[in-house]
Amino acid sequence: STSAPVTSITASFTIPTLSGQAGS
């Protein structure tokens, strides 16, 4: 933002199923 300080951010998502290397 060039006009004012940021006072809020929000986002929605679905928690993914993971794969890959154990411990990552």
PDB file of all heavy atoms in Angstrom:
ATOM      1  N   SER A   1       0.853  -1.181   0.000  1.00  0.00           N
ATOM      2  CA  SER A   1       0.000   0.000   0.000  1.00  0.00           C
ATOM      3  C   SER A   1       0.887   1.228   0.000  1.00  0.00           C
ATOM      4  O   SER A   1       1.834   1.315   0.781  1.00  0.00           O
ATOM      5  CB  SER A   1      -0.891   0.012   1.245  1.00  0.00           C
ATOM      6  OG  SER A   1      -1.518   1.262   1.391  1.00  0.00           O
ATOM      7  N   THR A   2       0.577   2.171  -0.861  1.00  0.00           N
ATOM      8  CA  THR A   2       1.317   3.427  -0.866  1.00  0.00           C
ATOM      9  C   THR A   2       0.525   4.540  -0.206  1.00  0.00           C
ATOM     10  O   THR A   2       1.065   5.593   0.092  1.00  0.00           O
ATOM     11  CB  THR A   2       1.663   3.867  -2.299  1.00  0.00           C
ATOM     12  OG1 THR A   2       0.447   4.035  -3.032  1.00  0.00           O
ATOM     13  CG2 THR A   2       2.552   2.839  -2.973  1.00  0.00           C
ATOM     14  N   SER A   3      -0.766   4.280   0.029  1.00  0.00           N
ATOM     15  CA  SER A   3      -1.624   5.347   0.549  1.00  0.00           C
ATOM     16  C   SER A   3      -1.836   5.301   2.056  1.00  0.00           C
ATOM     17  O   SER A   3      -2.109   6.323   2.674  1.00  0.00           O
ATOM     18  CB  SER A   3      -2.987   5.297  -0.141  1.00  0.00           C
ATOM     19  OG  SER A   3      -3.613   4.053   0.127  1.00  0.00           O
ATOM     20  N   ALA A   4      -1.729   4.128   2.663  1.00  0.00           N
ATOM     21  CA  ALA A   4      -2.012   4.013   4.098  1.00  0.00           C
ATOM     22  C   ALA A   4      -1.365   2.753   4.645  1.00  0.00           C
ATOM     23  O   ALA A   4      -1.119   1.804   3.913  1.00  0.00           O
ATOM     24  CB  ALA A   4      -3.522   3.959   4.328  1.00  0.00           C
ATOM     25  N   PRO A   5      -1.080   2.706   5.943  1.00  0.00           N
ATOM     26  CA  PRO A   5      -0.536   1.489   6.544  1.00  0.00           C
ATOM     27  C   PRO A   5      -1.537   0.342   6.456  1.00  0.00           C
ATOM     28  O   PRO A   5      -2.744   0.550   6.489  1.00  0.00           O
ATOM     29  CB  PRO A   5      -0.315   1.879   8.004  1.00  0.00           C
ATOM     30  CG  PRO A   5      -0.303   3.361   8.015  1.00  0.00           C
ATOM     31  CD  PRO A   5      -1.193   3.796   6.901  1.00  0.00           C
ATOM     32  N   VAL A   6      -1.018  -0.869   6.354  1.00  0.00           N
ATOM     33  CA  VAL A   6      -1.877  -2.056   6.346  1.00  0.00           C
ATOM     34  C   VAL A   6      -2.359  -2.321   7.763  1.00  0.00           C
ATOM     35  O   VAL A   6      -1.560  -2.369   8.703  1.00  0.00           O
ATOM     36  CB  VAL A   6      -1.121  -3.280   5.799  1.00  0.00           C
ATOM     37  CG1 VAL A   6      -1.959  -4.535   5.930  1.00  0.00           C
ATOM     38  CG2 VAL A   6      -0.710  -3.050   4.359  1.00  0.00           C
ATOM     39  N   THR A   7      -3.656  -2.481   7.924  1.00  0.00           N
ATOM     40  CA  THR A   7      -4.214  -2.776   9.245  1.00  0.00           C
ATOM     41  C   THR A   7      -4.926  -4.115   9.298  1.00  0.00           C
ATOM     42  O   THR A   7      -5.363  -4.522  10.373  1.00  0.00           O
ATOM     43  CB  THR A   7      -5.183  -1.671   9.700  1.00  0.00           C
ATOM     44  OG1 THR A   7      -6.232  -1.550   8.732  1.00  0.00           O
ATOM     45  CG2 THR A   7      -4.441  -0.337   9.868  1.00  0.00           C
ATOM     46  N   SER A   8      -5.023  -4.835   8.158  1.00  0.00           N
ATOM     47  CA  SER A   8      -5.674  -6.141   8.182  1.00  0.00           C
ATOM     48  C   SER A   8      -5.330  -6.931   6.932  1.00  0.00           C
ATOM     49  O   SER A   8      -5.204  -6.368   5.843  1.00  0.00           O
ATOM     50  CB  SER A   8      -7.195  -5.969   8.275  1.00  0.00           C
ATOM     51  OG  SER A   8      -7.842  -7.228   8.255  1.00  0.00           O
ATOM     52  N   ILE A   9      -5.165  -8.248   7.101  1.00  0.00           N
ATOM     53  CA  ILE A   9      -5.010  -9.184   5.981  1.00  0.00           C
ATOM     54  C   ILE A   9      -5.771 -10.446   6.353  1.00  0.00           C
ATOM     55  O   ILE A   9      -5.739 -10.880   7.511  1.00  0.00           O
ATOM     56  CB  ILE A   9      -3.523  -9.491   5.669  1.00  0.00           C
ATOM     57  CG1 ILE A   9      -3.374 -10.434   4.461  1.00  0.00           C
ATOM     58  CG2 ILE A   9      -2.792 -10.035   6.878  1.00  0.00           C
ATOM     59  CD1 ILE A   9      -3.687  -9.820   3.131  1.00  0.00           C
ATOM     60  N   THR A  10      -6.473 -11.016   5.393  1.00  0.00           N
ATOM     61  CA  THR A  10      -7.223 -12.253   5.641  1.00  0.00           C
ATOM     62  C   THR A  10      -7.161 -13.135   4.407  1.00  0.00           C
ATOM     63  O   THR A  10      -7.060 -12.628   3.282  1.00  0.00           O
ATOM     64  CB  THR A  10      -8.693 -11.953   6.030  1.00  0.00           C
ATOM     65  OG1 THR A  10      -9.329 -13.155   6.451  1.00  0.00           O
ATOM     66  CG2 THR A  10      -9.462 -11.345   4.885  1.00  0.00           C
ATOM     67  N   ALA A  11      -7.190 -14.446   4.601  1.00  0.00           N
ATOM     68  CA  ALA A  11      -7.206 -15.405   3.499  1.00  0.00           C
ATOM     69  C   ALA A  11      -7.822 -16.711   3.995  1.00  0.00           C
ATOM     70  O   ALA A  11      -7.661 -17.076   5.163  1.00  0.00           O
ATOM     71  CB  ALA A  11      -5.797 -15.657   2.979  1.00  0.00           C
ATOM     72  N   SER A  12      -8.510 -17.401   3.091  1.00  0.00           N
ATOM     73  CA  SER A  12      -9.098 -18.711   3.399  1.00  0.00           C
ATOM     74  C   SER A  12      -8.457 -19.768   2.518  1.00  0.00           C
ATOM     75  O   SER A  12      -8.013 -19.480   1.400  1.00  0.00           O
ATOM     76  CB  SER A  12     -10.612 -18.678   3.152  1.00  0.00           C
ATOM     77  OG  SER A  12     -11.240 -17.763   4.017  1.00  0.00           O
ATOM     78  N   PHE A  13      -8.409 -21.013   3.006  1.00  0.00           N
ATOM     79  CA  PHE A  13      -7.821 -22.122   2.260  1.00  0.00           C
ATOM     80  C   PHE A  13      -8.277 -23.431   2.897  1.00  0.00           C
ATOM     81  O   PHE A  13      -8.879 -23.442   3.974  1.00  0.00           O
ATOM     82  CB  PHE A  13      -6.287 -22.046   2.276  1.00  0.00           C
ATOM     83  CG  PHE A  13      -5.694 -22.178   3.651  1.00  0.00           C
ATOM     84  CD1 PHE A  13      -5.216 -23.394   4.112  1.00  0.00           C
ATOM     85  CD2 PHE A  13      -5.634 -21.075   4.505  1.00  0.00           C
ATOM     86  CE1 PHE A  13      -4.689 -23.508   5.397  1.00  0.00           C
ATOM     87  CE2 PHE A  13      -5.113 -21.179   5.776  1.00  0.00           C
ATOM     88  CZ  PHE A  13      -4.642 -22.403   6.230  1.00  0.00           C
ATOM     89  N   THR A  14      -7.987 -24.531   2.232  1.00  0.00           N
ATOM     90  CA  THR A  14      -8.252 -25.864   2.763  1.00  0.00           C
ATOM     91  C   THR A  14      -6.922 -26.486   3.151  1.00  0.00           C
ATOM     92  O   THR A  14      -5.969 -26.468   2.357  1.00  0.00           O
ATOM     93  CB  THR A  14      -8.976 -26.743   1.721  1.00  0.00           C
ATOM     94  OG1 THR A  14     -10.230 -26.124   1.401  1.00  0.00           O
ATOM     95  CG2 THR A  14      -9.223 -28.140   2.253  1.00  0.00           C
ATOM     96  N   ILE A  15      -6.833 -27.027   4.367  1.00  0.00           N
ATOM     97  CA  ILE A  15      -5.590 -27.664   4.815  1.00  0.00           C
ATOM     98  C   ILE A  15      -5.288 -28.851   3.904  1.00  0.00           C
ATOM     99  O   ILE A  15      -6.130 -29.733   3.726  1.00  0.00           O
ATOM    100  CB  ILE A  15      -5.695 -28.133   6.276  1.00  0.00           C
ATOM    101  CG1 ILE A  15      -5.929 -26.924   7.204  1.00  0.00           C
ATOM    102  CG2 ILE A  15      -4.434 -28.902   6.689  1.00  0.00           C
ATOM    103  CD1 ILE A  15      -6.185 -27.304   8.649  1.00  0.00           C
ATOM    104  N   PRO A  16      -4.100 -28.874   3.307  1.00  0.00           N
ATOM    105  CA  PRO A  16      -3.785 -29.935   2.342  1.00  0.00           C
ATOM    106  C   PRO A  16      -3.379 -31.247   2.993  1.00  0.00           C
ATOM    107  O   PRO A  16      -2.933 -31.284   4.136  1.00  0.00           O
ATOM    108  CB  PRO A  16      -2.597 -29.339   1.576  1.00  0.00           C
ATOM    109  CG  PRO A  16      -1.907 -28.486   2.593  1.00  0.00           C
ATOM    110  CD  PRO A  16      -3.014 -27.889   3.434  1.00  0.00           C
ATOM    111  N   THR A  17      -3.532 -32.324   2.224  1.00  0.00           N
ATOM    112  CA  THR A  17      -2.933 -33.611   2.568  1.00  0.00           C
ATOM    113  C   THR A  17      -1.491 -33.544   2.092  1.00  0.00           C
ATOM    114  O   THR A  17      -1.219 -33.092   0.979  1.00  0.00           O
ATOM    115  CB  THR A  17      -3.676 -34.764   1.874  1.00  0.00           C
ATOM    116  OG1 THR A  17      -4.997 -34.817   2.404  1.00  0.00           O
ATOM    117  CG2 THR A  17      -2.977 -36.096   2.105  1.00  0.00           C
ATOM    118  N   LEU A  18      -0.566 -33.953   2.944  1.00  0.00           N
ATOM    119  CA  LEU A  18       0.855 -33.850   2.624  1.00  0.00           C
ATOM    120  C   LEU A  18       1.418 -35.166   2.106  1.00  0.00           C
ATOM    121  O   LEU A  18       0.897 -36.247   2.393  1.00  0.00           O
ATOM    122  CB  LEU A  18       1.639 -33.438   3.876  1.00  0.00           C
ATOM    123  CG  LEU A  18       1.242 -32.123   4.538  1.00  0.00           C
ATOM    124  CD1 LEU A  18       2.089 -31.885   5.775  1.00  0.00           C
ATOM    125  CD2 LEU A  18       1.358 -30.962   3.568  1.00  0.00           C
ATOM    126  N   SER A  19       2.506 -35.066   1.373  1.00  0.00           N
ATOM    127  CA  SER A  19       3.307 -36.220   0.978  1.00  0.00           C
ATOM    128  C   SER A  19       4.750 -35.744   0.919  1.00  0.00           C
ATOM    129  O   SER A  19       5.041 -34.591   1.214  1.00  0.00           O
ATOM    130  CB  SER A  19       2.840 -36.773  -0.377  1.00  0.00           C
ATOM    131  OG  SER A  19       2.986 -35.801  -1.388  1.00  0.00           O
ATOM    132  N   GLY A  20       5.653 -36.632   0.552  1.00  0.00           N
ATOM    133  CA  GLY A  20       7.047 -36.218   0.435  1.00  0.00           C
ATOM    134  C   GLY A  20       7.949 -36.953   1.389  1.00  0.00           C
ATOM    135  O   GLY A  20       7.762 -38.138   1.662  1.00  0.00           O
ATOM    136  N   GLN A  21       8.913 -36.252   1.940  1.00  0.00           N
ATOM    137  CA  GLN A  21       9.918 -36.833   2.817  1.00  0.00           C
ATOM    138  C   GLN A  21       9.478 -36.719   4.270  1.00  0.00           C
ATOM    139  O   GLN A  21       9.103 -35.639   4.735  1.00  0.00           O
ATOM    140  CB  GLN A  21      11.259 -36.125   2.619  1.00  0.00           C
ATOM    141  CG  GLN A  21      12.386 -36.744   3.411  1.00  0.00           C
ATOM    142  CD  GLN A  21      13.721 -36.100   3.070  1.00  0.00           C
ATOM    143  OE1 GLN A  21      13.828 -35.259   2.199  1.00  0.00           O
ATOM    144  NE2 GLN A  21      14.753 -36.522   3.786  1.00  0.00           N
ATOM    145  N   ALA A  22       9.515 -37.835   5.001  1.00  0.00           N
ATOM    146  CA  ALA A  22       9.129 -37.833   6.416  1.00  0.00           C
ATOM    147  C   ALA A  22       9.925 -36.779   7.171  1.00  0.00           C
ATOM    148  O   ALA A  22      11.114 -36.605   6.949  1.00  0.00           O
ATOM    149  CB  ALA A  22       9.356 -39.209   7.038  1.00  0.00           C
ATOM    150  N   GLY A  23       9.236 -36.058   8.034  1.00  0.00           N
ATOM    151  CA  GLY A  23       9.876 -35.033   8.842  1.00  0.00           C
ATOM    152  C   GLY A  23       9.913 -33.662   8.198  1.00  0.00           C
ATOM    153  O   GLY A  23      10.268 -32.684   8.851  1.00  0.00           O
ATOM    154  N   SER A  24       9.569 -33.569   6.918  1.00  0.00           N
ATOM    155  CA  SER A  24       9.535 -32.241   6.300  1.00  0.00           C
ATOM    156  C   SER A  24       8.381 -31.453   6.906  1.00  0.00           C
ATOM    157  O   SER A  24       7.378 -32.009   7.327  1.00  0.00           O
ATOM    158  CB  SER A  24       9.396 -32.359   4.780  1.00  0.00           C
ATOM    159  OG  SER A  24       8.268 -33.129   4.424  1.00  0.00           O
TER     160      SER A  24
END
